[in-house]
Amino acid sequence: MSAKELSDKTGIPKSSISQYMSGYAKPKHDRIYLIAKALHVDEAWLIGYDVPMVKETFTQNLSPNEKNLLDIYRVLDDKGQHTVDTVTQMEYERVKGGSTAILKK
């Protein structure tokens, strides 16, 4: 991921991202969180601790297909995610036989 892409995902100025990448500056805790979230890595790993790169979360119990769908969803922009949310809600209602809201944003 380029500095510009990371800047776009985090809202952190590109110049700051470049300084972090070059080692000229170190990000504060709030920015470490944003960067780790954008990169889908553990914050502790990002700052150099000897921990797994990816936090062990609920994803460890997902099937390969579910993980793939989640990875795709995370790449989508807001419009794409909204489309997926809408279709998912419609399919859920079809299968359950009625209107039951499951998606909340």
C-alpha atoms as a PDB file:
ATOM      1  CA  MET A   1       0.000   0.000   0.000  1.00  0.00           C
ATOM      2  CA  SER A   2       1.369   3.417  -0.896  1.00  0.00           C
ATOM      3  CA  ALA A   3       1.631   6.340   1.505  1.00  0.00           C
ATOM      4  CA  LYS A   4      -1.200   8.061  -0.377  1.00  0.00           C
ATOM      5  CA  GLU A   5      -3.477   5.017  -0.129  1.00  0.00           C
ATOM      6  CA  LEU A   6      -2.760   4.709   3.585  1.00  0.00           C
ATOM      7  CA  SER A   7      -3.392   8.421   4.000  1.00  0.00           C
ATOM      8  CA  ASP A   8      -6.734   8.079   2.199  1.00  0.00           C
ATOM      9  CA  LYS A   9      -7.757   5.147   4.429  1.00  0.00           C
ATOM     10  CA  THR A  10      -6.695   6.751   7.715  1.00  0.00           C
ATOM     11  CA  GLY A  11      -7.158  10.478   7.203  1.00  0.00           C
ATOM     12  CA  ILE A  12      -3.541  10.998   8.290  1.00  0.00           C
ATOM     13  CA  PRO A  13      -1.672  13.430   6.023  1.00  0.00           C
ATOM     14  CA  LYS A  14       0.515  11.758   3.400  1.00  0.00           C
ATOM     15  CA  SER A  15       3.520  13.763   4.599  1.00  0.00           C
ATOM     16  CA  SER A  16       3.127  12.281   8.096  1.00  0.00           C
ATOM     17  CA  ILE A  17       2.802   8.757   6.691  1.00  0.00           C
ATOM     18  CA  SER A  18       5.995   9.305   4.684  1.00  0.00           C
ATOM     19  CA  GLN A  19       7.816  10.488   7.826  1.00  0.00           C
ATOM     20  CA  TYR A  20       6.685   7.372   9.714  1.00  0.00           C
ATOM     21  CA  MET A  21       7.775   5.128   6.865  1.00  0.00           C
ATOM     22  CA  SER A  22      11.221   6.738   6.658  1.00  0.00           C
ATOM     23  CA  GLY A  23      11.716   6.590  10.427  1.00  0.00           C
ATOM     24  CA  TYR A  24      11.976  10.380  10.684  1.00  0.00           C
ATOM     25  CA  ALA A  25       8.968  10.550  13.014  1.00  0.00           C
ATOM     26  CA  LYS A  26       6.965   8.117  15.132  1.00  0.00           C
ATOM     27  CA  PRO A  27       3.154   8.126  15.152  1.00  0.00           C
ATOM     28  CA  LYS A  28       1.240   8.810  18.348  1.00  0.00           C
ATOM     29  CA  HIS A  29      -1.057   6.135  19.768  1.00  0.00           C
ATOM     30  CA  ASP A  30      -4.219   7.391  18.072  1.00  0.00           C
ATOM     31  CA  ARG A  31      -2.530   7.239  14.677  1.00  0.00           C
ATOM     32  CA  ILE A  32      -1.022   3.817  15.364  1.00  0.00           C
ATOM     33  CA  TYR A  33      -4.582   2.595  15.915  1.00  0.00           C
ATOM     34  CA  LEU A  34      -5.766   4.093  12.604  1.00  0.00           C
ATOM     35  CA  ILE A  35      -2.823   2.661  10.668  1.00  0.00           C
ATOM     36  CA  ALA A  36      -3.183  -0.797  12.216  1.00  0.00           C
ATOM     37  CA  LYS A  37      -6.896  -0.793  11.462  1.00  0.00           C
ATOM     38  CA  ALA A  38      -6.312   0.240   7.834  1.00  0.00           C
ATOM     39  CA  LEU A  39      -3.651  -2.448   7.380  1.00  0.00           C
ATOM     40  CA  HIS A  40      -5.621  -5.083   9.305  1.00  0.00           C
ATOM     41  CA  VAL A  41      -2.696  -5.791  11.622  1.00  0.00           C
ATOM     42  CA  ASP A  42      -2.200  -5.882  15.381  1.00  0.00           C
ATOM     43  CA  GLU A  43      -1.180  -2.527  16.868  1.00  0.00           C
ATOM     44  CA  ALA A  44       1.487  -4.152  19.048  1.00  0.00           C
ATOM     45  CA  TRP A  45       2.989  -5.896  16.008  1.00  0.00           C
ATOM     46  CA  LEU A  46       2.998  -2.616  14.095  1.00  0.00           C
ATOM     47  CA  ILE A  47       5.132  -0.900  16.740  1.00  0.00           C
ATOM     48  CA  GLY A  48       7.585  -3.774  16.926  1.00  0.00           C
ATOM     49  CA  TYR A  49       6.440  -6.158  19.634  1.00  0.00           C
ATOM     50  CA  ASP A  50       6.966  -9.873  19.071  1.00  0.00           C
ATOM     51  CA  VAL A  51       3.308 -10.779  18.650  1.00  0.00           C
ATOM     52  CA  PRO A  52       1.377 -12.269  15.718  1.00  0.00           C
ATOM     53  CA  MET A  53       0.882  -9.782  12.901  1.00  0.00           C
ATOM     54  CA  VAL A  54      -2.871 -10.334  12.867  1.00  0.00           C
ATOM     55  CA  LYS A  55      -4.918 -10.335  16.046  1.00  0.00           C
ATOM     56  CA  GLU A  56      -6.578 -13.627  16.790  1.00  0.00           C
ATOM     57  CA  THR A  57     -10.204 -12.676  16.531  1.00  0.00           C
ATOM     58  CA  PHE A  58     -13.470 -14.173  15.470  1.00  0.00           C
ATOM     59  CA  THR A  59     -11.988 -14.649  11.986  1.00  0.00           C
ATOM     60  CA  GLN A  60     -10.101 -17.717  13.144  1.00  0.00           C
ATOM     61  CA  ASN A  61     -13.419 -19.604  13.089  1.00  0.00           C
ATOM     62  CA  LEU A  62     -14.423 -18.510   9.582  1.00  0.00           C
ATOM     63  CA  SER A  63     -14.324 -20.800   6.576  1.00  0.00           C
ATOM     64  CA  PRO A  64     -11.947 -19.875   3.729  1.00  0.00           C
ATOM     65  CA  ASN A  65     -14.955 -18.654   1.702  1.00  0.00           C
ATOM     66  CA  GLU A  66     -16.160 -16.451   4.571  1.00  0.00           C
ATOM     67  CA  LYS A  67     -12.659 -14.992   5.012  1.00  0.00           C
ATOM     68  CA  ASN A  68     -12.484 -14.280   1.282  1.00  0.00           C
ATOM     69  CA  LEU A  69     -15.848 -12.493   1.355  1.00  0.00           C
ATOM     70  CA  LEU A  70     -14.741 -10.431   4.357  1.00  0.00           C
ATOM     71  CA  ASP A  71     -11.490  -9.462   2.595  1.00  0.00           C
ATOM     72  CA  ILE A  72     -13.456  -8.386  -0.485  1.00  0.00           C
ATOM     73  CA  TYR A  73     -15.960  -6.418   1.617  1.00  0.00           C
ATOM     74  CA  ARG A  74     -13.141  -4.525   3.353  1.00  0.00           C
ATOM     75  CA  VAL A  75     -11.756  -3.369  -0.002  1.00  0.00           C
ATOM     76  CA  LEU A  76     -15.091  -1.942  -1.171  1.00  0.00           C
ATOM     77  CA  ASP A  77     -15.851   1.755  -0.854  1.00  0.00           C
ATOM     78  CA  ASP A  78     -18.914   2.996   1.056  1.00  0.00           C
ATOM     79  CA  LYS A  79     -21.204   2.586  -1.971  1.00  0.00           C
ATOM     80  CA  GLY A  80     -20.049  -0.988  -2.553  1.00  0.00           C
ATOM     81  CA  GLN A  81     -20.440  -1.897   1.121  1.00  0.00           C
ATOM     82  CA  HIS A  82     -23.912  -0.344   1.151  1.00  0.00           C
ATOM     83  CA  THR A  83     -24.871  -2.444  -1.895  1.00  0.00           C
ATOM     84  CA  VAL A  84     -23.621  -5.629  -0.225  1.00  0.00           C
ATOM     85  CA  ASP A  85     -25.438  -4.702   3.005  1.00  0.00           C
ATOM     86  CA  THR A  86     -28.692  -4.138   1.099  1.00  0.00           C
ATOM     87  CA  VAL A  87     -28.500  -7.421  -0.816  1.00  0.00           C
ATOM     88  CA  THR A  88     -27.526  -9.304   2.353  1.00  0.00           C
ATOM     89  CA  GLN A  89     -30.508  -7.846   4.206  1.00  0.00           C
ATOM     90  CA  MET A  90     -32.871  -8.775   1.349  1.00  0.00           C
ATOM     91  CA  GLU A  91     -31.557 -12.351   1.235  1.00  0.00           C
ATOM     92  CA  TYR A  92     -31.799 -12.684   5.007  1.00  0.00           C
ATOM     93  CA  GLU A  93     -35.426 -11.549   4.910  1.00  0.00           C
ATOM     94  CA  ARG A  94     -36.156 -13.977   2.047  1.00  0.00           C
ATOM     95  CA  VAL A  95     -34.690 -16.914   3.946  1.00  0.00           C
ATOM     96  CA  LYS A  96     -36.285 -15.981   7.271  1.00  0.00           C
ATOM     97  CA  GLY A  97     -39.634 -15.284   5.626  1.00  0.00           C
ATOM     98  CA  GLY A  98     -40.180 -11.750   6.840  1.00  0.00           C
ATOM     99  CA  SER A  99     -38.686  -8.385   7.591  1.00  0.00           C
ATOM    100  CA  THR A 100     -36.133  -8.704  10.348  1.00  0.00           C
ATOM    101  CA  ALA A 101     -33.490  -5.994  10.348  1.00  0.00           C
ATOM    102  CA  ILE A 102     -30.043  -7.435  11.027  1.00  0.00           C
ATOM    103  CA  LEU A 103     -27.730  -4.815   9.556  1.00  0.00           C
ATOM    104  CA  LYS A 104     -27.169  -1.669  11.530  1.00  0.00           C
ATOM    105  CA  LYS A 105     -24.740   1.089  10.730  1.00  0.00           C
END
